[in-house]
Amino acid sequence: MKRKKRIVKNNFKDGDGQAGYCPVCGDYNLEYGDPTPYNDDLYYPWTCKTCGSNGREMYYMEFIGHHTC
């Protein structure tokens, strides 16, 4: 099921937007690359399959506990 297109601000700035949606055209149609460490954070490079824009989704990394194998 395809999600509805989001209304995008014409004055988009870095850091705006919502995960999974293209900040340029507002469509839920991003293709992701491999996660990449960035300082103490992490980003996923993306390309919008609708409008061809590309960028990075940034995420904070936070220690939440140990798991044993």
PDB file of N, CA and C in Angstrom:
ATOM      1  N   MET A   1       0.840  -1.175   0.000  1.00  0.00           N
ATOM      2  CA  MET A   1       0.000   0.000   0.000  1.00  0.00           C
ATOM      3  C   MET A   1       0.891   1.246   0.000  1.00  0.00           C
ATOM      4  N   LYS A   2       0.707   2.109  -0.949  1.00  0.00           N
ATOM      5  CA  LYS A   2       1.486   3.338  -1.039  1.00  0.00           C
ATOM      6  C   LYS A   2       0.884   4.402  -0.130  1.00  0.00           C
ATOM      7  N   ARG A   3       1.749   5.087   0.599  1.00  0.00           N
ATOM      8  CA  ARG A   3       1.287   6.143   1.494  1.00  0.00           C
ATOM      9  C   ARG A   3       0.979   7.412   0.713  1.00  0.00           C
ATOM     10  N   LYS A   4       0.163   8.256   1.315  1.00  0.00           N
ATOM     11  CA  LYS A   4      -0.211   9.511   0.673  1.00  0.00           C
ATOM     12  C   LYS A   4       0.987  10.442   0.574  1.00  0.00           C
ATOM     13  N   LYS A   5       0.986  11.254  -0.456  1.00  0.00           N
ATOM     14  CA  LYS A   5       2.026  12.244  -0.658  1.00  0.00           C
ATOM     15  C   LYS A   5       1.891  13.350   0.386  1.00  0.00           C
ATOM     16  N   ARG A   6       3.023  13.799   0.910  1.00  0.00           N
ATOM     17  CA  ARG A   6       3.044  14.859   1.903  1.00  0.00           C
ATOM     18  C   ARG A   6       3.160  16.214   1.233  1.00  0.00           C
ATOM     19  N   ILE A   7       2.608  17.221   1.861  1.00  0.00           N
ATOM     20  CA  ILE A   7       2.776  18.592   1.383  1.00  0.00           C
ATOM     21  C   ILE A   7       4.138  19.074   1.869  1.00  0.00           C
ATOM     22  N   VAL A   8       4.931  19.580   0.962  1.00  0.00           N
ATOM     23  CA  VAL A   8       6.292  19.980   1.274  1.00  0.00           C
ATOM     24  C   VAL A   8       6.394  21.499   1.264  1.00  0.00           C
ATOM     25  N   LYS A   9       7.162  22.028   2.237  1.00  0.00           N
ATOM     26  CA  LYS A   9       7.371  23.474   2.286  1.00  0.00           C
ATOM     27  C   LYS A   9       8.270  23.907   1.140  1.00  0.00           C
ATOM     28  N   ASN A  10       7.987  25.044   0.557  1.00  0.00           N
ATOM     29  CA  ASN A  10       8.845  25.591  -0.496  1.00  0.00           C
ATOM     30  C   ASN A  10      10.167  26.090   0.049  1.00  0.00           C
ATOM     31  N   ASN A  11      10.237  26.371   1.339  1.00  0.00           N
ATOM     32  CA  ASN A  11      11.452  26.896   1.947  1.00  0.00           C
ATOM     33  C   ASN A  11      12.152  25.811   2.780  1.00  0.00           C
ATOM     34  N   PHE A  12      12.254  24.607   2.241  1.00  0.00           N
ATOM     35  CA  PHE A  12      12.895  23.491   2.936  1.00  0.00           C
ATOM     36  C   PHE A  12      14.314  23.851   3.353  1.00  0.00           C
ATOM     37  N   LYS A  13      14.676  23.492   4.592  1.00  0.00           N
ATOM     38  CA  LYS A  13      16.023  23.683   5.109  1.00  0.00           C
ATOM     39  C   LYS A  13      16.540  22.349   5.617  1.00  0.00           C
ATOM     40  N   ASP A  14      17.869  22.169   5.618  1.00  0.00           N
ATOM     41  CA  ASP A  14      18.448  20.946   6.165  1.00  0.00           C
ATOM     42  C   ASP A  14      17.917  20.703   7.571  1.00  0.00           C
ATOM     43  N   GLY A  15      17.574  19.452   7.847  1.00  0.00           N
ATOM     44  CA  GLY A  15      17.044  19.087   9.149  1.00  0.00           C
ATOM     45  C   GLY A  15      15.526  19.022   9.167  1.00  0.00           C
ATOM     46  N   ASP A  16      14.859  19.617   8.184  1.00  0.00           N
ATOM     47  CA  ASP A  16      13.399  19.543   8.094  1.00  0.00           C
ATOM     48  C   ASP A  16      12.993  18.173   7.548  1.00  0.00           C
ATOM     49  N   GLY A  17      11.733  17.872   7.624  1.00  0.00           N
ATOM     50  CA  GLY A  17      11.211  16.675   6.982  1.00  0.00           C
ATOM     51  C   GLY A  17      10.838  15.578   7.951  1.00  0.00           C
ATOM     52  N   GLN A  18      10.444  14.457   7.390  1.00  0.00           N
ATOM     53  CA  GLN A  18      10.017  13.293   8.152  1.00  0.00           C
ATOM     54  C   GLN A  18      10.651  12.065   7.527  1.00  0.00           C
ATOM     55  N   ALA A  19      11.109  11.136   8.372  1.00  0.00           N
ATOM     56  CA  ALA A  19      11.759   9.925   7.885  1.00  0.00           C
ATOM     57  C   ALA A  19      10.871   9.194   6.885  1.00  0.00           C
ATOM     58  N   GLY A  20      11.476   8.779   5.780  1.00  0.00           N
ATOM     59  CA  GLY A  20      10.761   7.999   4.777  1.00  0.00           C
ATOM     60  C   GLY A  20      10.150   8.811   3.653  1.00  0.00           C
ATOM     61  N   TYR A  21      10.033  10.129   3.836  1.00  0.00           N
ATOM     62  CA  TYR A  21       9.412  10.983   2.827  1.00  0.00           C
ATOM     63  C   TYR A  21      10.468  11.888   2.186  1.00  0.00           C
ATOM     64  N   CYS A  22      10.370  12.076   0.894  1.00  0.00           N
ATOM     65  CA  CYS A  22      11.280  12.972   0.187  1.00  0.00           C
ATOM     66  C   CYS A  22      11.007  14.411   0.623  1.00  0.00           C
ATOM     67  N   PRO A  23      12.032  15.144   1.091  1.00  0.00           N
ATOM     68  CA  PRO A  23      11.802  16.521   1.515  1.00  0.00           C
ATOM     69  C   PRO A  23      11.606  17.484   0.338  1.00  0.00           C
ATOM     70  N   VAL A  24      11.846  17.026  -0.880  1.00  0.00           N
ATOM     71  CA  VAL A  24      11.703  17.879  -2.054  1.00  0.00           C
ATOM     72  C   VAL A  24      10.300  17.759  -2.657  1.00  0.00           C
ATOM     73  N   CYS A  25       9.875  16.518  -2.959  1.00  0.00           N
ATOM     74  CA  CYS A  25       8.559  16.335  -3.601  1.00  0.00           C
ATOM     75  C   CYS A  25       7.490  15.808  -2.646  1.00  0.00           C
ATOM     76  N   GLY A  26       7.896  15.299  -1.475  1.00  0.00           N
ATOM     77  CA  GLY A  26       6.941  14.837  -0.475  1.00  0.00           C
ATOM     78  C   GLY A  26       6.471  13.411  -0.647  1.00  0.00           C
ATOM     79  N   ASP A  27       6.960  12.691  -1.657  1.00  0.00           N
ATOM     80  CA  ASP A  27       6.504  11.331  -1.900  1.00  0.00           C
ATOM     81  C   ASP A  27       7.197  10.336  -0.962  1.00  0.00           C
ATOM     82  N   TYR A  28       6.508   9.251  -0.678  1.00  0.00           N
ATOM     83  CA  TYR A  28       7.041   8.163   0.148  1.00  0.00           C
ATOM     84  C   TYR A  28       7.613   7.114  -0.801  1.00  0.00           C
ATOM     85  N   ASN A  29       8.754   7.426  -1.415  1.00  0.00           N
ATOM     86  CA  ASN A  29       9.294   6.558  -2.457  1.00  0.00           C
ATOM     87  C   ASN A  29      10.822   6.664  -2.486  1.00  0.00           C
ATOM     88  N   LEU A  30      11.447   6.543  -1.302  1.00  0.00           N
ATOM     89  CA  LEU A  30      12.891   6.664  -1.205  1.00  0.00           C
ATOM     90  C   LEU A  30      13.557   5.302  -1.312  1.00  0.00           C
ATOM     91  N   GLU A  31      14.681   5.280  -2.010  1.00  0.00           N
ATOM     92  CA  GLU A  31      15.520   4.089  -2.085  1.00  0.00           C
ATOM     93  C   GLU A  31      16.757   4.381  -1.248  1.00  0.00           C
ATOM     94  N   TYR A  32      17.053   3.505  -0.278  1.00  0.00           N
ATOM     95  CA  TYR A  32      18.119   3.747   0.680  1.00  0.00           C
ATOM     96  C   TYR A  32      19.387   2.975   0.350  1.00  0.00           C
ATOM     97  N   GLY A  33      20.526   3.591   0.687  1.00  0.00           N
ATOM     98  CA  GLY A  33      21.813   2.927   0.625  1.00  0.00           C
ATOM     99  C   GLY A  33      22.163   2.357   1.991  1.00  0.00           C
ATOM    100  N   ASP A  34      23.380   1.907   2.133  1.00  0.00           N
ATOM    101  CA  ASP A  34      23.832   1.323   3.393  1.00  0.00           C
ATOM    102  C   ASP A  34      24.011   2.396   4.460  1.00  0.00           C
ATOM    103  N   PRO A  35      23.738   2.041   5.732  1.00  0.00           N
ATOM    104  CA  PRO A  35      23.951   3.001   6.818  1.00  0.00           C
ATOM    105  C   PRO A  35      25.439   3.339   6.923  1.00  0.00           C
ATOM    106  N   THR A  36      25.715   4.601   7.242  1.00  0.00           N
ATOM    107  CA  THR A  36      27.089   5.082   7.311  1.00  0.00           C
ATOM    108  C   THR A  36      27.303   5.860   8.606  1.00  0.00           C
ATOM    109  N   PRO A  37      28.338   5.501   9.394  1.00  0.00           N
ATOM    110  CA  PRO A  37      28.629   6.279  10.609  1.00  0.00           C
ATOM    111  C   PRO A  37      29.045   7.706  10.241  1.00  0.00           C
ATOM    112  N   TYR A  38      28.636   8.664  11.073  1.00  0.00           N
ATOM    113  CA  TYR A  38      28.986  10.072  10.876  1.00  0.00           C
ATOM    114  C   TYR A  38      29.186  10.685  12.254  1.00  0.00           C
ATOM    115  N   ASN A  39      30.454  10.912  12.625  1.00  0.00           N
ATOM    116  CA  ASN A  39      30.792  11.346  13.987  1.00  0.00           C
ATOM    117  C   ASN A  39      30.188  10.342  14.965  1.00  0.00           C
ATOM    118  N   ASP A  40      29.339  10.784  15.876  1.00  0.00           N
ATOM    119  CA  ASP A  40      28.684   9.865  16.824  1.00  0.00           C
ATOM    120  C   ASP A  40      27.289   9.471  16.360  1.00  0.00           C
ATOM    121  N   ASP A  41      26.941   9.813  15.140  1.00  0.00           N
ATOM    122  CA  ASP A  41      25.608   9.542  14.612  1.00  0.00           C
ATOM    123  C   ASP A  41      25.682   8.573  13.435  1.00  0.00           C
ATOM    124  N   LEU A  42      24.592   8.456  12.712  1.00  0.00           N
ATOM    125  CA  LEU A  42      24.493   7.531  11.595  1.00  0.00           C
ATOM    126  C   LEU A  42      23.607   8.159  10.532  1.00  0.00           C
ATOM    127  N   TYR A  43      23.919   7.920   9.255  1.00  0.00           N
ATOM    128  CA  TYR A  43      23.015   8.388   8.211  1.00  0.00           C
ATOM    129  C   TYR A  43      22.794   7.305   7.162  1.00  0.00           C
ATOM    130  N   TYR A  44      21.649   7.398   6.502  1.00  0.00           N
ATOM    131  CA  TYR A  44      21.304   6.539   5.373  1.00  0.00           C
ATOM    132  C   TYR A  44      21.209   7.418   4.130  1.00  0.00           C
ATOM    133  N   PRO A  45      22.061   7.197   3.122  1.00  0.00           N
ATOM    134  CA  PRO A  45      21.890   7.943   1.881  1.00  0.00           C
ATOM    135  C   PRO A  45      20.613   7.480   1.177  1.00  0.00           C
ATOM    136  N   TRP A  46      19.927   8.399   0.517  1.00  0.00           N
ATOM    137  CA  TRP A  46      18.685   8.041  -0.180  1.00  0.00           C
ATOM    138  C   TRP A  46      18.611   8.734  -1.531  1.00  0.00           C
ATOM    139  N   THR A  47      17.827   8.132  -2.394  1.00  0.00           N
ATOM    140  CA  THR A  47      17.460   8.717  -3.683  1.00  0.00           C
ATOM    141  C   THR A  47      15.961   8.577  -3.832  1.00  0.00           C
ATOM    142  N   CYS A  48      15.296   9.665  -4.191  1.00  0.00           N
ATOM    143  CA  CYS A  48      13.845   9.611  -4.409  1.00  0.00           C
ATOM    144  C   CYS A  48      13.589   9.029  -5.797  1.00  0.00           C
ATOM    145  N   LYS A  49      12.823   7.954  -5.841  1.00  0.00           N
ATOM    146  CA  LYS A  49      12.512   7.297  -7.109  1.00  0.00           C
ATOM    147  C   LYS A  49      11.446   8.061  -7.899  1.00  0.00           C
ATOM    148  N   THR A  50      10.846   9.084  -7.289  1.00  0.00           N
ATOM    149  CA  THR A  50       9.843   9.897  -7.973  1.00  0.00           C
ATOM    150  C   THR A  50      10.471  11.100  -8.664  1.00  0.00           C
ATOM    151  N   CYS A  51      11.249  11.895  -7.907  1.00  0.00           N
ATOM    152  CA  CYS A  51      11.777  13.146  -8.478  1.00  0.00           C
ATOM    153  C   CYS A  51      13.282  13.124  -8.729  1.00  0.00           C
ATOM    154  N   GLY A  52      13.987  12.079  -8.265  1.00  0.00           N
ATOM    155  CA  GLY A  52      15.414  11.971  -8.523  1.00  0.00           C
ATOM    156  C   GLY A  52      16.313  12.708  -7.535  1.00  0.00           C
ATOM    157  N   SER A  53      15.726  13.398  -6.541  1.00  0.00           N
ATOM    158  CA  SER A  53      16.540  14.085  -5.534  1.00  0.00           C
ATOM    159  C   SER A  53      17.291  13.061  -4.696  1.00  0.00           C
ATOM    160  N   ASN A  54      18.361  13.509  -4.042  1.00  0.00           N
ATOM    161  CA  ASN A  54      19.077  12.608  -3.137  1.00  0.00           C
ATOM    162  C   ASN A  54      19.543  13.377  -1.917  1.00  0.00           C
ATOM    163  N   GLY A  55      19.845  12.639  -0.867  1.00  0.00           N
ATOM    164  CA  GLY A  55      20.273  13.254   0.382  1.00  0.00           C
ATOM    165  C   GLY A  55      20.592  12.195   1.406  1.00  0.00           C
ATOM    166  N   ARG A  56      20.520  12.585   2.672  1.00  0.00           N
ATOM    167  CA  ARG A  56      20.828  11.683   3.783  1.00  0.00           C
ATOM    168  C   ARG A  56      19.763  11.820   4.861  1.00  0.00           C
ATOM    169  N   GLU A  57      19.331  10.700   5.413  1.00  0.00           N
ATOM    170  CA  GLU A  57      18.503  10.719   6.617  1.00  0.00           C
ATOM    171  C   GLU A  57      19.440  10.509   7.789  1.00  0.00           C
ATOM    172  N   MET A  58      19.428  11.452   8.719  1.00  0.00           N
ATOM    173  CA  MET A  58      20.335  11.427   9.856  1.00  0.00           C
ATOM    174  C   MET A  58      19.640  10.844  11.083  1.00  0.00           C
ATOM    175  N   TYR A  59      20.392  10.055  11.849  1.00  0.00           N
ATOM    176  CA  TYR A  59      19.877   9.431  13.066  1.00  0.00           C
ATOM    177  C   TYR A  59      20.892   9.567  14.187  1.00  0.00           C
ATOM    178  N   TYR A  60      20.403   9.786  15.400  1.00  0.00           N
ATOM    179  CA  TYR A  60      21.255   9.757  16.587  1.00  0.00           C
ATOM    180  C   TYR A  60      21.530   8.310  16.947  1.00  0.00           C
ATOM    181  N   MET A  61      22.741   8.046  17.408  1.00  0.00           N
ATOM    182  CA  MET A  61      23.053   6.716  17.935  1.00  0.00           C
ATOM    183  C   MET A  61      23.153   6.839  19.449  1.00  0.00           C
ATOM    184  N   GLU A  62      22.493   5.928  20.162  1.00  0.00           N
ATOM    185  CA  GLU A  62      22.482   5.974  21.612  1.00  0.00           C
ATOM    186  C   GLU A  62      22.633   4.553  22.146  1.00  0.00           C
ATOM    187  N   PHE A  63      23.533   4.360  23.092  1.00  0.00           N
ATOM    188  CA  PHE A  63      23.709   3.058  23.708  1.00  0.00           C
ATOM    189  C   PHE A  63      22.468   2.718  24.522  1.00  0.00           C
ATOM    190  N   ILE A  64      21.917   1.526  24.296  1.00  0.00           N
ATOM    191  CA  ILE A  64      20.719   1.120  25.030  1.00  0.00           C
ATOM    192  C   ILE A  64      20.903  -0.151  25.836  1.00  0.00           C
ATOM    193  N   GLY A  65      22.049  -0.845  25.719  1.00  0.00           N
ATOM    194  CA  GLY A  65      22.296  -2.019  26.539  1.00  0.00           C
ATOM    195  C   GLY A  65      23.098  -3.064  25.797  1.00  0.00           C
ATOM    196  N   HIS A  66      23.510  -4.081  26.538  1.00  0.00           N
ATOM    197  CA  HIS A  66      24.275  -5.196  25.985  1.00  0.00           C
ATOM    198  C   HIS A  66      23.370  -6.387  25.737  1.00  0.00           C
ATOM    199  N   HIS A  67      23.713  -7.186  24.742  1.00  0.00           N
ATOM    200  CA  HIS A  67      23.057  -8.462  24.481  1.00  0.00           C
ATOM    201  C   HIS A  67      24.138  -9.506  24.332  1.00  0.00           C
ATOM    202  N   THR A  68      23.972 -10.642  24.951  1.00  0.00           N
ATOM    203  CA  THR A  68      24.955 -11.699  24.826  1.00  0.00           C
ATOM    204  C   THR A  68      24.527 -12.675  23.744  1.00  0.00           C
ATOM    205  N   CYS A  69      25.508 -13.319  23.117  1.00  0.00           N
ATOM    206  CA  CYS A  69      25.219 -14.259  22.044  1.00  0.00           C
ATOM    207  C   CYS A  69      25.273 -15.683  22.536  1.00  0.00           C
TER     208      CYS A  69
END
